């Protein structure tokens, strides 16, 4: 009886230790994600201030919004995602962290035009709507006992469908197609938020070295960051008030 109690208490202690480590790991993921979002917002707003002054476009604004450089600004974040995904294993933890925040800054530069297209009030309103939805979906993904992996391939297929439809609509310029893309896109990224949260949680391993755990946290933060940004932009297309 005494030995059984001792064994159970040791098992309980191991479970408690695992839970503490998991919570710290997930807190690191969310800290990186939120910090990157704040950094993106600061860069986006600062870029707008520098690009437009007294109601007129400055030379800086002309360069990033109306010259061929705009394509570099638009595509640079995508390049950073591919670089970080491909090279993170060979990077040091410090380099991976710096690369992640460079990506967040590039996203801020790329997204700065939303402050010129949409009213500030609607940007703030949609941001908080996105934050509330994201928080609920991520909490569901973290706490649910249901295995969401079966939805993963379906959601990825939906994501590729949205990308293809968006490229096609560049040439068609159809408002109806854009509305459909936005609605379906919100649903896809909502599902990905719950799915990725569960996947990131399952990536945790208490025997990982600190640098490996740190890199996993950065990649997890990147996945959730992308889900948040895309959901925000799609909701802004649906509910934002244009200038």
Protein backbone atom coordinates (compact mmCIF):
# COMPACT_ATOMS: atom_id res chain seq x y z
CA UNK A 1 0.00 0.00 0.00
CA UNK A 2 2.76 2.44 0.98
CA UNK A 3 4.81 1.64 -2.14
CA UNK A 4 1.73 2.15 -4.34
CA UNK A 5 1.10 5.55 -2.76
CA UNK A 6 4.72 6.46 -3.33
CA UNK A 7 4.53 5.40 -6.97
CA UNK A 8 1.34 7.40 -7.55
CA UNK A 9 2.78 10.50 -5.95
CA UNK A 10 5.86 10.23 -8.18
CA UNK A 11 3.64 9.89 -11.25
CA UNK A 12 1.59 12.89 -10.17
CA UNK A 13 4.79 14.88 -9.70
CA UNK A 14 5.97 13.95 -13.20
CA UNK A 15 2.64 15.03 -14.68
CA UNK A 16 2.76 18.30 -12.77
CA UNK A 17 6.32 18.95 -13.95
CA UNK A 18 5.30 18.25 -17.55
CA UNK A 19 2.33 20.63 -17.27
CA UNK A 20 4.55 23.40 -15.91
CA UNK A 21 7.00 22.95 -18.77
CA UNK A 22 4.20 22.90 -21.34
CA UNK A 23 2.67 26.10 -19.95
CA UNK A 24 6.05 27.85 -20.07
CA UNK A 25 6.60 26.68 -23.63
CA UNK A 26 3.16 27.85 -24.81
CA UNK A 27 3.62 31.15 -22.95
CA UNK A 28 6.85 31.63 -24.90
CA UNK A 29 4.96 30.98 -28.16
CA UNK A 30 2.27 33.54 -27.36
CA UNK A 31 4.79 36.10 -26.05
CA UNK A 32 6.71 35.94 -29.33
CA UNK A 33 3.51 36.17 -31.36
CA UNK A 34 2.07 39.14 -29.47
CA UNK A 35 5.41 40.98 -29.46
CA UNK A 36 5.69 40.47 -33.22
CA UNK A 37 2.14 41.79 -33.75
CA UNK A 38 2.90 44.89 -31.69
CA UNK A 39 6.14 45.42 -33.61
CA UNK A 40 4.29 45.02 -36.92
CA UNK A 41 1.69 47.59 -35.86
CA UNK A 42 4.35 50.11 -34.81
CA UNK A 43 6.27 49.74 -38.09
CA UNK A 44 3.05 49.96 -40.15
CA UNK A 45 1.91 53.15 -38.42
CA UNK A 46 5.37 54.76 -38.55
CA UNK A 47 5.63 53.92 -42.24
CA UNK A 48 2.30 55.61 -42.92
CA UNK A 49 3.38 58.74 -41.03
CA UNK A 50 6.56 58.93 -43.11
CA UNK A 51 4.76 58.13 -46.37
CA UNK A 52 1.98 60.71 -46.13
CA UNK A 53 2.37 64.16 -44.63
CA UNK A 54 -0.10 67.04 -44.84
CA UNK A 55 -2.33 64.91 -47.06
CA UNK A 56 0.35 64.46 -49.73
CA UNK A 57 2.55 61.50 -50.60
CA UNK A 58 6.20 62.03 -49.68
CA UNK A 59 9.15 60.76 -51.70
CA UNK A 60 9.35 57.79 -49.35
CA UNK A 61 5.66 57.06 -49.92
CA UNK A 62 6.07 57.28 -53.69
CA UNK A 63 8.96 54.82 -53.48
CA UNK A 64 7.19 52.11 -51.48
CA UNK A 65 3.66 52.52 -52.83
CA UNK A 66 3.99 53.78 -56.42
CA UNK A 67 7.36 52.57 -57.75
CA UNK A 68 8.61 49.08 -58.71
CA UNK A 69 9.99 48.89 -55.15
CA UNK A 70 6.43 48.16 -53.99
CA UNK A 71 6.79 44.59 -55.30
CA UNK A 72 9.87 44.09 -53.13
CA UNK A 73 7.94 45.45 -50.13
CA UNK A 74 5.04 43.09 -50.87
CA UNK A 75 7.12 39.95 -51.48
CA UNK A 76 9.89 40.41 -48.88
CA UNK A 77 7.81 38.96 -45.98
CA UNK A 78 7.05 35.84 -48.04
CA UNK A 79 10.76 35.40 -48.72
CA UNK A 80 11.52 35.71 -45.00
CA UNK A 81 8.93 33.01 -44.17
CA UNK A 82 10.58 30.59 -46.60
CA UNK A 83 14.04 31.48 -45.31
CA UNK A 84 13.09 31.03 -41.68
CA UNK A 85 11.27 27.76 -42.33
CA UNK A 86 14.14 26.30 -44.35
CA UNK A 87 17.08 27.51 -42.26
CA UNK A 88 15.87 27.61 -38.67
CA UNK A 89 17.40 24.24 -37.77
CA UNK A 90 20.87 25.44 -38.71
CA UNK A 91 20.43 28.88 -37.13
CA UNK A 92 21.35 29.75 -33.60
CA UNK A 93 18.42 30.59 -31.34
CA UNK A 94 19.44 34.25 -31.33
CA UNK A 95 19.58 34.40 -35.14
CA UNK A 96 16.18 32.70 -35.42
CA UNK A 97 14.67 35.20 -33.01
CA UNK A 98 16.16 38.17 -34.88
CA UNK A 99 14.95 36.77 -38.22
CA UNK A 100 11.44 36.42 -36.83
CA UNK A 101 11.32 40.06 -35.77
CA UNK A 102 12.85 41.21 -39.07
CA UNK A 103 9.97 39.36 -40.72
CA UNK A 104 7.49 41.15 -38.42
CA UNK A 105 9.02 44.51 -39.40
CA UNK A 106 8.76 43.68 -43.11
CA UNK A 107 5.13 42.71 -42.59
CA UNK A 108 4.53 46.09 -40.97
CA UNK A 109 6.06 47.84 -43.97
CA UNK A 110 3.95 45.71 -46.34
CA UNK A 111 0.69 46.22 -44.43
CA UNK A 112 1.12 49.93 -43.80
CA UNK A 113 -1.17 50.84 -46.70
CA UNK A 114 -4.21 49.65 -44.73
CA UNK A 115 -4.03 52.94 -42.79
CA UNK A 116 -4.42 54.76 -46.10
CA UNK A 117 -7.24 52.55 -47.42
CA UNK A 118 -9.33 52.02 -44.27
CA UNK A 119 -10.36 54.39 -41.51
CA UNK A 120 -8.37 54.16 -38.30
CA UNK A 121 -11.55 53.43 -36.32
CA UNK A 122 -12.43 50.42 -38.47
CA UNK A 123 -8.86 49.09 -38.33
CA UNK A 124 -8.95 49.18 -34.52
CA UNK A 125 -12.45 47.67 -34.38
CA UNK A 126 -11.60 44.78 -36.70
CA UNK A 127 -8.33 44.19 -34.84
CA UNK A 128 -10.18 43.62 -31.56
CA UNK A 129 -12.77 41.43 -33.28
CA UNK A 130 -9.91 39.35 -34.69
CA UNK A 131 -8.18 39.20 -31.31
CA UNK A 132 -11.34 37.96 -29.58
CA UNK A 133 -12.01 35.33 -32.25
CA UNK A 134 -8.39 34.23 -32.33
CA UNK A 135 -8.24 33.93 -28.54
CA UNK A 136 -11.33 31.73 -28.41
CA UNK A 137 -10.20 29.50 -31.27
CA UNK A 138 -6.69 29.09 -29.88
CA UNK A 139 -8.07 28.27 -26.43
CA UNK A 140 -10.29 25.62 -28.02
CA UNK A 141 -7.31 24.12 -29.84
CA UNK A 142 -5.31 24.03 -26.61
CA UNK A 143 -7.98 22.50 -24.39
CA UNK A 144 -9.97 20.18 -26.65
CA UNK A 145 -9.45 16.43 -26.36
CA UNK A 146 -10.61 15.98 -29.95
CA UNK A 147 -7.86 15.16 -32.44
CA UNK A 148 -7.87 17.97 -35.02
CA UNK A 149 -5.16 16.46 -37.23
CA UNK A 150 -7.79 15.05 -39.60
CA UNK A 151 -8.80 18.60 -40.50
CA UNK A 152 -5.22 19.63 -41.29
CA UNK A 153 -5.04 18.39 -44.89
CA UNK A 154 -8.53 19.76 -45.61
CA UNK A 155 -7.56 23.20 -44.26
CA UNK A 156 -4.28 23.25 -46.21
CA UNK A 157 -6.19 22.42 -49.40
CA UNK A 158 -8.56 25.28 -48.60
CA UNK A 159 -5.58 27.60 -48.10
CA UNK A 160 -4.11 26.71 -51.49
CA UNK A 161 -7.55 27.24 -53.04
CA UNK A 162 -7.72 30.73 -51.55
CA UNK A 163 -4.25 31.59 -52.84
CA UNK A 164 -5.10 30.42 -56.37
CA UNK A 165 -8.45 32.24 -56.34
CA UNK A 166 -6.75 35.44 -55.11
CA UNK A 167 -4.21 35.30 -57.93
CA UNK A 168 -6.98 34.76 -60.48
CA UNK A 169 -8.95 37.67 -59.04
CA UNK A 170 -5.99 40.01 -59.58
CA UNK A 171 -6.87 39.78 -63.28
CA UNK A 172 -10.65 39.45 -62.95
CA UNK A 173 -11.10 42.14 -60.27
CA UNK A 174 -14.44 40.59 -59.31
CA UNK A 175 -16.00 41.98 -56.14
CA UNK A 176 -18.20 38.89 -55.80
CA UNK A 177 -15.19 36.57 -55.98
CA UNK A 178 -13.32 38.76 -53.51
CA UNK A 179 -16.25 38.54 -51.09
CA UNK A 180 -16.30 34.73 -51.42
CA UNK A 181 -12.52 34.57 -50.89
CA UNK A 182 -12.81 36.69 -47.75
CA UNK A 183 -15.63 34.62 -46.22
CA UNK A 184 -14.05 31.25 -47.00
CA UNK A 185 -10.64 32.57 -45.98
CA UNK A 186 -11.89 33.61 -42.53
CA UNK A 187 -13.29 30.10 -42.00
CA UNK A 188 -10.05 28.46 -43.17
CA UNK A 189 -7.81 30.56 -40.93
CA UNK A 190 -10.20 30.11 -38.03
CA UNK A 191 -9.80 26.34 -38.42
CA UNK A 192 -6.03 26.67 -38.83
CA UNK A 193 -5.80 28.65 -35.61
CA UNK A 194 -7.33 25.81 -33.57
CA UNK A 195 -5.43 23.14 -35.55
CA UNK A 196 -2.05 24.89 -35.28
CA UNK A 197 -2.49 25.52 -31.56
CA UNK A 198 -3.04 21.82 -30.95
CA UNK A 199 -0.11 20.92 -33.24
CA UNK A 200 2.21 23.38 -31.47
CA UNK A 201 1.14 21.97 -28.11
CA UNK A 202 1.93 18.45 -29.28
CA UNK A 203 5.38 19.56 -30.49
CA UNK A 204 6.43 20.17 -26.90
CA UNK A 205 8.90 17.68 -25.48
CA UNK A 206 10.22 18.22 -21.96
CA UNK A 207 13.58 16.63 -22.80
CA UNK A 208 14.30 19.13 -25.60
CA UNK A 209 17.40 21.25 -25.12
CA UNK A 210 16.66 24.91 -24.46
CA UNK A 211 17.70 26.07 -27.94
CA UNK A 212 15.52 23.43 -29.64
CA UNK A 213 12.55 24.35 -27.46
CA UNK A 214 13.17 28.02 -28.24
CA UNK A 215 13.22 27.40 -32.00
CA UNK A 216 10.01 25.38 -31.74
CA UNK A 217 8.41 28.30 -29.88
CA UNK A 218 9.48 30.72 -32.63
CA UNK A 219 8.09 28.52 -35.41
CA UNK A 220 4.88 28.06 -33.44
CA UNK A 221 4.63 31.83 -32.98
CA UNK A 222 5.18 32.30 -36.72
CA UNK A 223 2.29 29.93 -37.56
CA UNK A 224 -0.12 31.64 -35.18
CA UNK A 225 1.06 35.11 -36.25
CA UNK A 226 0.31 34.31 -39.90
CA UNK A 227 -3.13 32.97 -38.98
CA UNK A 228 -3.92 36.13 -37.03
CA UNK A 229 -2.69 38.53 -39.72
CA UNK A 230 -4.55 36.75 -42.50
CA UNK A 231 -7.78 36.56 -40.49
CA UNK A 232 -7.44 40.24 -39.65
CA UNK A 233 -6.91 41.27 -43.27
CA UNK A 234 -9.84 39.17 -44.51
CA UNK A 235 -12.17 40.53 -41.82
CA UNK A 236 -11.01 44.03 -42.70
CA UNK A 237 -12.02 43.38 -46.31
CA UNK A 238 -15.47 42.35 -45.07
CA UNK A 239 -16.15 44.87 -42.32
CA UNK A 240 -13.63 47.71 -42.72
CA UNK A 241 -14.79 51.20 -43.65
CA UNK A 242 -12.77 52.65 -46.51
CA UNK A 243 -11.37 56.18 -46.52
